[in-house]
Every structure is written in C-alpha cells, then in structure tokens.
Amino acid sequence: MTAFLKYTVARLAILVIAYVVLWALASLWWQVSTIDPYLLLAAILVSAVVSIFALRGLREDLATRLQQRANDATRRVESSRDADDLD
C-alpha cells in the first residue's frame, strides 16, 4: 500500500471514529439524527487535531516519499536539458 493511501485511510478512519464517538455522546443528552451536520463539523475538527499527533509518522513518511519523487523528477529534467545542450 502506498504511503498516500495509508495516510488517507488513517485520516478517514479517525474521522469516522470521531463522528461515532461524538454521536454516541450527543445522543445521551439530545435526540440527534444519524447524520447531523454540526456533529460532522465537530468530528472534522476533532479528527484534524488528533491526526496532527497520531499520524505524525505516516505524514513524515509521505513527505519523504514525495520529496524523493520531486528530486527524481528534477534530476530527469536536468539530465534531459543537459542532453539537449550537447546536441
């Protein structure tokens, strides 16, 4: 599984877990629908904060792989440019 896919699945899992937990807590005090936009907004905010700390390793791995791909692309462009200069 690629680093991007791992990170995306982990972010979505944290969002779903945050929504379920917030929905369960809210349903103890209020009558809430299954899909509540305010709970969804709260879950997005909570999952963003949790992801900052919980997914640091995956995010750093993703950043490293993206940097490697960018460096490889830059090297290919430069070598192509150098080859054109020789012609």
PDB file of N, CA and C in Angstrom:
ATOM      1  N   MET A   1       0.851  -1.176   0.000  1.00  0.00           N
ATOM      2  CA  MET A   1       0.000   0.000   0.000  1.00  0.00           C
ATOM      3  C   MET A   1       0.898   1.241   0.000  1.00  0.00           C
ATOM      4  N   THR A   2       0.556   2.196  -0.818  1.00  0.00           N
ATOM      5  CA  THR A   2       1.392   3.385  -0.903  1.00  0.00           C
ATOM      6  C   THR A   2       1.240   4.243   0.354  1.00  0.00           C
ATOM      7  N   ALA A   3       2.215   5.111   0.559  1.00  0.00           N
ATOM      8  CA  ALA A   3       2.200   5.975   1.746  1.00  0.00           C
ATOM      9  C   ALA A   3       0.990   6.907   1.716  1.00  0.00           C
ATOM     10  N   PHE A   4       0.640   7.411   0.526  1.00  0.00           N
ATOM     11  CA  PHE A   4      -0.509   8.307   0.407  1.00  0.00           C
ATOM     12  C   PHE A   4      -1.803   7.585   0.773  1.00  0.00           C
ATOM     13  N   LEU A   5      -1.952   6.363   0.303  1.00  0.00           N
ATOM     14  CA  LEU A   5      -3.161   5.597   0.590  1.00  0.00           C
ATOM     15  C   LEU A   5      -3.263   5.256   2.077  1.00  0.00           C
ATOM     16  N   LYS A   6      -2.146   4.881   2.689  1.00  0.00           N
ATOM     17  CA  LYS A   6      -2.136   4.598   4.124  1.00  0.00           C
ATOM     18  C   LYS A   6      -2.557   5.820   4.932  1.00  0.00           C
ATOM     19  N   TYR A   7      -1.991   6.968   4.584  1.00  0.00           N
ATOM     20  CA  TYR A   7      -2.293   8.202   5.313  1.00  0.00           C
ATOM     21  C   TYR A   7      -3.763   8.587   5.126  1.00  0.00           C
ATOM     22  N   THR A   8      -4.266   8.474   3.908  1.00  0.00           N
ATOM     23  CA  THR A   8      -5.659   8.829   3.632  1.00  0.00           C
ATOM     24  C   THR A   8      -6.625   7.916   4.367  1.00  0.00           C
ATOM     25  N   VAL A   9      -6.365   6.623   4.359  1.00  0.00           N
ATOM     26  CA  VAL A   9      -7.233   5.669   5.065  1.00  0.00           C
ATOM     27  C   VAL A   9      -7.194   5.930   6.570  1.00  0.00           C
ATOM     28  N   ALA A  10      -6.023   6.232   7.091  1.00  0.00           N
ATOM     29  CA  ALA A  10      -5.908   6.530   8.524  1.00  0.00           C
ATOM     30  C   ALA A  10      -6.679   7.797   8.881  1.00  0.00           C
ATOM     31  N   ARG A  11      -6.591   8.829   8.048  1.00  0.00           N
ATOM     32  CA  ARG A  11      -7.346  10.067   8.298  1.00  0.00           C
ATOM     33  C   ARG A  11      -8.850   9.814   8.279  1.00  0.00           C
ATOM     34  N   LEU A  12      -9.305   9.041   7.290  1.00  0.00           N
ATOM     35  CA  LEU A  12     -10.733   8.736   7.209  1.00  0.00           C
ATOM     36  C   LEU A  12     -11.200   7.893   8.392  1.00  0.00           C
ATOM     37  N   ALA A  13     -10.364   6.951   8.825  1.00  0.00           N
ATOM     38  CA  ALA A  13     -10.714   6.127   9.978  1.00  0.00           C
ATOM     39  C   ALA A  13     -10.843   6.982  11.237  1.00  0.00           C
ATOM     40  N   ILE A  14      -9.934   7.911  11.423  1.00  0.00           N
ATOM     41  CA  ILE A  14     -10.005   8.798  12.585  1.00  0.00           C
ATOM     42  C   ILE A  14     -11.262   9.664  12.513  1.00  0.00           C
ATOM     43  N   LEU A  15     -11.615  10.124  11.324  1.00  0.00           N
ATOM     44  CA  LEU A  15     -12.834  10.921  11.159  1.00  0.00           C
ATOM     45  C   LEU A  15     -14.078  10.113  11.517  1.00  0.00           C
ATOM     46  N   VAL A  16     -14.155   8.891  11.034  1.00  0.00           N
ATOM     47  CA  VAL A  16     -15.310   8.042  11.332  1.00  0.00           C
ATOM     48  C   VAL A  16     -15.397   7.742  12.826  1.00  0.00           C
ATOM     49  N   ILE A  17     -14.278   7.425  13.431  1.00  0.00           N
ATOM     50  CA  ILE A  17     -14.265   7.133  14.867  1.00  0.00           C
ATOM     51  C   ILE A  17     -14.684   8.362  15.661  1.00  0.00           C
ATOM     52  N   ALA A  18     -14.170   9.529  15.284  1.00  0.00           N
ATOM     53  CA  ALA A  18     -14.542  10.764  15.986  1.00  0.00           C
ATOM     54  C   ALA A  18     -16.035  11.033  15.851  1.00  0.00           C
ATOM     55  N   TYR A  19     -16.582  10.808  14.652  1.00  0.00           N
ATOM     56  CA  TYR A  19     -18.006  11.046  14.452  1.00  0.00           C
ATOM     57  C   TYR A  19     -18.851  10.092  15.295  1.00  0.00           C
ATOM     58  N   VAL A  20     -18.484   8.827  15.306  1.00  0.00           N
ATOM     59  CA  VAL A  20     -19.247   7.840  16.081  1.00  0.00           C
ATOM     60  C   VAL A  20     -19.193   8.164  17.567  1.00  0.00           C
ATOM     61  N   VAL A  21     -18.029   8.526  18.068  1.00  0.00           N
ATOM     62  CA  VAL A  21     -17.900   8.852  19.489  1.00  0.00           C
ATOM     63  C   VAL A  21     -18.705  10.101  19.829  1.00  0.00           C
ATOM     64  N   LEU A  22     -18.596  11.138  19.004  1.00  0.00           N
ATOM     65  CA  LEU A  22     -19.362  12.360  19.264  1.00  0.00           C
ATOM     66  C   LEU A  22     -20.860  12.119  19.149  1.00  0.00           C
ATOM     67  N   TRP A  23     -21.266  11.304  18.182  1.00  0.00           N
ATOM     68  CA  TRP A  23     -22.679  10.985  18.023  1.00  0.00           C
ATOM     69  C   TRP A  23     -23.195  10.231  19.248  1.00  0.00           C
ATOM     70  N   ALA A  24     -22.409   9.266  19.733  1.00  0.00           N
ATOM     71  CA  ALA A  24     -22.814   8.498  20.906  1.00  0.00           C
ATOM     72  C   ALA A  24     -22.937   9.395  22.135  1.00  0.00           C
ATOM     73  N   LEU A  25     -21.983  10.295  22.303  1.00  0.00           N
ATOM     74  CA  LEU A  25     -22.054  11.213  23.441  1.00  0.00           C
ATOM     75  C   LEU A  25     -23.229  12.175  23.314  1.00  0.00           C
ATOM     76  N   ALA A  26     -23.451  12.700  22.129  1.00  0.00           N
ATOM     77  CA  ALA A  26     -24.560  13.640  21.923  1.00  0.00           C
ATOM     78  C   ALA A  26     -25.905  12.967  22.087  1.00  0.00           C
ATOM     79  N   SER A  27     -25.998  11.713  21.694  1.00  0.00           N
ATOM     80  CA  SER A  27     -27.289  11.012  21.799  1.00  0.00           C
ATOM     81  C   SER A  27     -27.653  10.709  23.252  1.00  0.00           C
ATOM     82  N   LEU A  28     -26.702  10.806  24.159  1.00  0.00           N
ATOM     83  CA  LEU A  28     -27.013  10.627  25.573  1.00  0.00           C
ATOM     84  C   LEU A  28     -27.817  11.803  26.118  1.00  0.00           C
ATOM     85  N   TRP A  29     -27.559  13.004  25.591  1.00  0.00           N
ATOM     86  CA  TRP A  29     -28.230  14.195  26.101  1.00  0.00           C
ATOM     87  C   TRP A  29     -29.302  14.754  25.178  1.00  0.00           C
ATOM     88  N   TRP A  30     -29.111  14.618  23.869  1.00  0.00           N
ATOM     89  CA  TRP A  30     -30.056  15.181  22.912  1.00  0.00           C
ATOM     90  C   TRP A  30     -30.507  14.106  21.952  1.00  0.00           C
ATOM     91  N   GLN A  31     -31.606  14.395  21.293  1.00  0.00           N
ATOM     92  CA  GLN A  31     -32.050  13.496  20.234  1.00  0.00           C
ATOM     93  C   GLN A  31     -31.428  13.994  18.937  1.00  0.00           C
ATOM     94  N   VAL A  32     -30.489  13.235  18.410  1.00  0.00           N
ATOM     95  CA  VAL A  32     -29.776  13.639  17.202  1.00  0.00           C
ATOM     96  C   VAL A  32     -30.072  12.660  16.082  1.00  0.00           C
ATOM     97  N   SER A  33     -30.025  13.181  14.859  1.00  0.00           N
ATOM     98  CA  SER A  33     -30.205  12.303  13.708  1.00  0.00           C
ATOM     99  C   SER A  33     -28.908  11.550  13.440  1.00  0.00           C
ATOM    100  N   THR A  34     -28.994  10.553  12.583  1.00  0.00           N
ATOM    101  CA  THR A  34     -27.815   9.756  12.275  1.00  0.00           C
ATOM    102  C   THR A  34     -26.736  10.609  11.612  1.00  0.00           C
ATOM    103  N   ILE A  35     -27.163  11.478  10.693  1.00  0.00           N
ATOM    104  CA  ILE A  35     -26.213  12.373  10.033  1.00  0.00           C
ATOM    105  C   ILE A  35     -26.562  13.796  10.447  1.00  0.00           C
ATOM    106  N   ASP A  36     -25.798  14.309  11.361  1.00  0.00           N
ATOM    107  CA  ASP A  36     -26.021  15.649  11.884  1.00  0.00           C
ATOM    108  C   ASP A  36     -24.876  16.545  11.409  1.00  0.00           C
ATOM    109  N   PRO A  37     -25.169  17.637  10.710  1.00  0.00           N
ATOM    110  CA  PRO A  37     -24.079  18.467  10.169  1.00  0.00           C
ATOM    111  C   PRO A  37     -23.203  19.103  11.245  1.00  0.00           C
ATOM    112  N   TYR A  38     -23.779  19.439  12.390  1.00  0.00           N
ATOM    113  CA  TYR A  38     -22.966  20.030  13.458  1.00  0.00           C
ATOM    114  C   TYR A  38     -22.016  18.994  14.069  1.00  0.00           C
ATOM    115  N   LEU A  39     -22.504  17.777  14.212  1.00  0.00           N
ATOM    116  CA  LEU A  39     -21.622  16.715  14.708  1.00  0.00           C
ATOM    117  C   LEU A  39     -20.536  16.392  13.688  1.00  0.00           C
ATOM    118  N   LEU A  40     -20.896  16.445  12.409  1.00  0.00           N
ATOM    119  CA  LEU A  40     -19.901  16.195  11.374  1.00  0.00           C
ATOM    120  C   LEU A  40     -18.812  17.272  11.399  1.00  0.00           C
ATOM    121  N   LEU A  41     -19.214  18.515  11.548  1.00  0.00           N
ATOM    122  CA  LEU A  41     -18.238  19.604  11.645  1.00  0.00           C
ATOM    123  C   LEU A  41     -17.348  19.434  12.877  1.00  0.00           C
ATOM    124  N   ALA A  42     -17.942  19.078  13.998  1.00  0.00           N
ATOM    125  CA  ALA A  42     -17.159  18.847  15.218  1.00  0.00           C
ATOM    126  C   ALA A  42     -16.209  17.664  15.035  1.00  0.00           C
ATOM    127  N   ALA A  43     -16.678  16.608  14.368  1.00  0.00           N
ATOM    128  CA  ALA A  43     -15.830  15.430  14.131  1.00  0.00           C
ATOM    129  C   ALA A  43     -14.663  15.776  13.216  1.00  0.00           C
ATOM    130  N   ILE A  44     -14.903  16.627  12.226  1.00  0.00           N
ATOM    131  CA  ILE A  44     -13.811  17.047  11.340  1.00  0.00           C
ATOM    132  C   ILE A  44     -12.755  17.799  12.134  1.00  0.00           C
ATOM    133  N   LEU A  45     -13.192  18.696  13.005  1.00  0.00           N
ATOM    134  CA  LEU A  45     -12.238  19.462  13.814  1.00  0.00           C
ATOM    135  C   LEU A  45     -11.472  18.562  14.778  1.00  0.00           C
ATOM    136  N   VAL A  46     -12.182  17.663  15.449  1.00  0.00           N
ATOM    137  CA  VAL A  46     -11.531  16.753  16.397  1.00  0.00           C
ATOM    138  C   VAL A  46     -10.556  15.839  15.668  1.00  0.00           C
ATOM    139  N   SER A  47     -10.975  15.297  14.529  1.00  0.00           N
ATOM    140  CA  SER A  47     -10.092  14.381  13.799  1.00  0.00           C
ATOM    141  C   SER A  47      -8.860  15.097  13.261  1.00  0.00           C
ATOM    142  N   ALA A  48      -9.001  16.373  12.912  1.00  0.00           N
ATOM    143  CA  ALA A  48      -7.834  17.131  12.445  1.00  0.00           C
ATOM    144  C   ALA A  48      -6.799  17.277  13.554  1.00  0.00           C
ATOM    145  N   VAL A  49      -7.272  17.587  14.751  1.00  0.00           N
ATOM    146  CA  VAL A  49      -6.345  17.743  15.884  1.00  0.00           C
ATOM    147  C   VAL A  49      -5.707  16.408  16.250  1.00  0.00           C
ATOM    148  N   VAL A  50      -6.509  15.355  16.283  1.00  0.00           N
ATOM    149  CA  VAL A  50      -5.976  14.031  16.617  1.00  0.00           C
ATOM    150  C   VAL A  50      -4.968  13.583  15.559  1.00  0.00           C
ATOM    151  N   SER A  51      -5.265  13.849  14.290  1.00  0.00           N
ATOM    152  CA  SER A  51      -4.378  13.429  13.202  1.00  0.00           C
ATOM    153  C   SER A  51      -3.015  14.102  13.275  1.00  0.00           C
ATOM    154  N   ILE A  52      -2.987  15.333  13.748  1.00  0.00           N
ATOM    155  CA  ILE A  52      -1.702  16.038  13.866  1.00  0.00           C
ATOM    156  C   ILE A  52      -0.733  15.247  14.737  1.00  0.00           C
ATOM    157  N   PHE A  53      -1.243  14.710  15.812  1.00  0.00           N
ATOM    158  CA  PHE A  53      -0.382  13.984  16.753  1.00  0.00           C
ATOM    159  C   PHE A  53      -0.281  12.500  16.435  1.00  0.00           C
ATOM    160  N   ALA A  54      -1.397  11.876  16.102  1.00  0.00           N
ATOM    161  CA  ALA A  54      -1.421  10.420  15.938  1.00  0.00           C
ATOM    162  C   ALA A  54      -0.779   9.956  14.634  1.00  0.00           C
ATOM    163  N   LEU A  55      -0.818  10.784  13.604  1.00  0.00           N
ATOM    164  CA  LEU A  55      -0.329  10.348  12.292  1.00  0.00           C
ATOM    165  C   LEU A  55       0.979  11.010  11.889  1.00  0.00           C
ATOM    166  N   ARG A  56       1.733  11.463  12.852  1.00  0.00           N
ATOM    167  CA  ARG A  56       2.992  12.148  12.551  1.00  0.00           C
ATOM    168  C   ARG A  56       3.937  11.257  11.743  1.00  0.00           C
ATOM    169  N   GLY A  57       4.071  10.013  12.127  1.00  0.00           N
ATOM    170  CA  GLY A  57       4.978   9.100  11.424  1.00  0.00           C
ATOM    171  C   GLY A  57       4.559   8.863   9.989  1.00  0.00           C
ATOM    172  N   LEU A  58       3.267   8.611   9.774  1.00  0.00           N
ATOM    173  CA  LEU A  58       2.781   8.404   8.407  1.00  0.00           C
ATOM    174  C   LEU A  58       2.953   9.660   7.560  1.00  0.00           C
ATOM    175  N   ARG A  59       2.712  10.818   8.156  1.00  0.00           N
ATOM    176  CA  ARG A  59       2.845  12.081   7.428  1.00  0.00           C
ATOM    177  C   ARG A  59       4.312  12.326   7.053  1.00  0.00           C
ATOM    178  N   GLU A  60       5.234  12.022   7.948  1.00  0.00           N
ATOM    179  CA  GLU A  60       6.655  12.204   7.644  1.00  0.00           C
ATOM    180  C   GLU A  60       7.110  11.233   6.560  1.00  0.00           C
ATOM    181  N   ASP A  61       6.605  10.002   6.596  1.00  0.00           N
ATOM    182  CA  ASP A  61       6.912   9.017   5.558  1.00  0.00           C
ATOM    183  C   ASP A  61       6.393   9.495   4.206  1.00  0.00           C
ATOM    184  N   LEU A  62       5.185  10.010   4.187  1.00  0.00           N
ATOM    185  CA  LEU A  62       4.601  10.534   2.958  1.00  0.00           C
ATOM    186  C   LEU A  62       5.418  11.707   2.431  1.00  0.00           C
ATOM    187  N   ALA A  63       5.813  12.609   3.309  1.00  0.00           N
ATOM    188  CA  ALA A  63       6.605  13.771   2.893  1.00  0.00           C
ATOM    189  C   ALA A  63       7.957  13.340   2.333  1.00  0.00           C
ATOM    190  N   THR A  64       8.565  12.342   2.934  1.00  0.00           N
ATOM    191  CA  THR A  64       9.858  11.836   2.454  1.00  0.00           C
ATOM    192  C   THR A  64       9.719  11.245   1.064  1.00  0.00           C
ATOM    193  N   ARG A  65       8.673  10.446   0.865  1.00  0.00           N
ATOM    194  CA  ARG A  65       8.478   9.830  -0.452  1.00  0.00           C
ATOM    195  C   ARG A  65       8.165  10.878  -1.523  1.00  0.00           C
ATOM    196  N   LEU A  66       7.377  11.880  -1.166  1.00  0.00           N
ATOM    197  CA  LEU A  66       7.079  12.943  -2.123  1.00  0.00           C
ATOM    198  C   LEU A  66       8.338  13.737  -2.468  1.00  0.00           C
ATOM    199  N   GLN A  67       9.175  13.983  -1.478  1.00  0.00           N
ATOM    200  CA  GLN A  67      10.433  14.703  -1.723  1.00  0.00           C
ATOM    201  C   GLN A  67      11.342  13.894  -2.637  1.00  0.00           C
ATOM    202  N   GLN A  68      11.399  12.578  -2.430  1.00  0.00           N
ATOM    203  CA  GLN A  68      12.205  11.724  -3.297  1.00  0.00           C
ATOM    204  C   GLN A  68      11.701  11.770  -4.734  1.00  0.00           C
ATOM    205  N   ARG A  69      10.374  11.714  -4.904  1.00  0.00           N
ATOM    206  CA  ARG A  69       9.805  11.776  -6.248  1.00  0.00           C
ATOM    207  C   ARG A  69      10.101  13.119  -6.904  1.00  0.00           C
ATOM    208  N   ALA A  70      10.023  14.196  -6.144  1.00  0.00           N
ATOM    209  CA  ALA A  70      10.316  15.520  -6.692  1.00  0.00           C
ATOM    210  C   ALA A  70      11.784  15.615  -7.088  1.00  0.00           C
ATOM    211  N   ASN A  71      12.672  15.086  -6.262  1.00  0.00           N
ATOM    212  CA  ASN A  71      14.099  15.110  -6.586  1.00  0.00           C
ATOM    213  C   ASN A  71      14.392  14.283  -7.835  1.00  0.00           C
ATOM    214  N   ASP A  72      13.764  13.119  -7.954  1.00  0.00           N
ATOM    215  CA  ASP A  72      13.944  12.285  -9.145  1.00  0.00           C
ATOM    216  C   ASP A  72      13.460  13.002 -10.401  1.00  0.00           C
ATOM    217  N   ALA A  73      12.310  13.659 -10.314  1.00  0.00           N
ATOM    218  CA  ALA A  73      11.777  14.387 -11.465  1.00  0.00           C
ATOM    219  C   ALA A  73      12.703  15.533 -11.847  1.00  0.00           C
ATOM    220  N   THR A  74      13.235  16.231 -10.845  1.00  0.00           N
ATOM    221  CA  THR A  74      14.156  17.335 -11.114  1.00  0.00           C
ATOM    222  C   THR A  74      15.417  16.818 -11.795  1.00  0.00           C
ATOM    223  N   ARG A  75      15.940  15.694 -11.314  1.00  0.00           N
ATOM    224  CA  ARG A  75      17.132  15.112 -11.935  1.00  0.00           C
ATOM    225  C   ARG A  75      16.875  14.713 -13.382  1.00  0.00           C
ATOM    226  N   ARG A  76      15.697  14.130 -13.655  1.00  0.00           N
ATOM    227  CA  ARG A  76      15.364  13.727 -15.027  1.00  0.00           C
ATOM    228  C   ARG A  76      15.260  14.948 -15.944  1.00  0.00           C
ATOM    229  N   VAL A  77      14.652  16.006 -15.456  1.00  0.00           N
ATOM    230  CA  VAL A  77      14.524  17.222 -16.261  1.00  0.00           C
ATOM    231  C   VAL A  77      15.904  17.823 -16.534  1.00  0.00           C
ATOM    232  N   GLU A  78      16.746  17.874 -15.519  1.00  0.00           N
ATOM    233  CA  GLU A  78      18.083  18.433 -15.699  1.00  0.00           C
ATOM    234  C   GLU A  78      18.929  17.593 -16.643  1.00  0.00           C
ATOM    235  N   SER A  79      18.835  16.262 -16.536  1.00  0.00           N
ATOM    236  CA  SER A  79      19.614  15.410 -17.441  1.00  0.00           C
ATOM    237  C   SER A  79      19.090  15.534 -18.872  1.00  0.00           C
ATOM    238  N   SER A  80      17.792  15.687 -19.030  1.00  0.00           N
ATOM    239  CA  SER A  80      17.224  15.895 -20.362  1.00  0.00           C
ATOM    240  C   SER A  80      17.683  17.231 -20.935  1.00  0.00           C
ATOM    241  N   ARG A  81      17.719  18.249 -20.103  1.00  0.00           N
ATOM    242  CA  ARG A  81      18.179  19.573 -20.536  1.00  0.00           C
ATOM    243  C   ARG A  81      19.655  19.529 -20.923  1.00  0.00           C
ATOM    244  N   ASP A  82      20.464  18.802 -20.126  1.00  0.00           N
ATOM    245  CA  ASP A  82      21.884  18.674 -20.439  1.00  0.00           C
ATOM    246  C   ASP A  82      22.081  17.922 -21.751  1.00  0.00           C
ATOM    247  N   ALA A  83      21.277  16.887 -21.990  1.00  0.00           N
ATOM    248  CA  ALA A  83      21.378  16.130 -23.234  1.00  0.00           C
ATOM    249  C   ALA A  83      21.005  16.995 -24.434  1.00  0.00           C
ATOM    250  N   ASP A  84      20.028  17.867 -24.265  1.00  0.00           N
ATOM    251  CA  ASP A  84      19.651  18.770 -25.353  1.00  0.00           C
ATOM    252  C   ASP A  84      20.737  19.796 -25.615  1.00  0.00           C
ATOM    253  N   ASP A  85      21.432  20.222 -24.580  1.00  0.00           N
ATOM    254  CA  ASP A  85      22.504  21.200 -24.751  1.00  0.00           C
ATOM    255  C   ASP A  85      23.668  20.622 -25.536  1.00  0.00           C
ATOM    256  N   LEU A  86      23.921  19.309 -25.411  1.00  0.00           N
ATOM    257  CA  LEU A  86      25.011  18.675 -26.122  1.00  0.00           C
ATOM    258  C   LEU A  86      24.702  18.547 -27.612  1.00  0.00           C
ATOM    259  N   ASP A  87      23.430  18.476 -27.962  1.00  0.00           N
ATOM    260  CA  ASP A  87      23.057  18.329 -29.385  1.00  0.00           C
ATOM    261  C   ASP A  87      23.173  19.579 -30.140  1.00  0.00           C
TER     262      ASP A  87
END
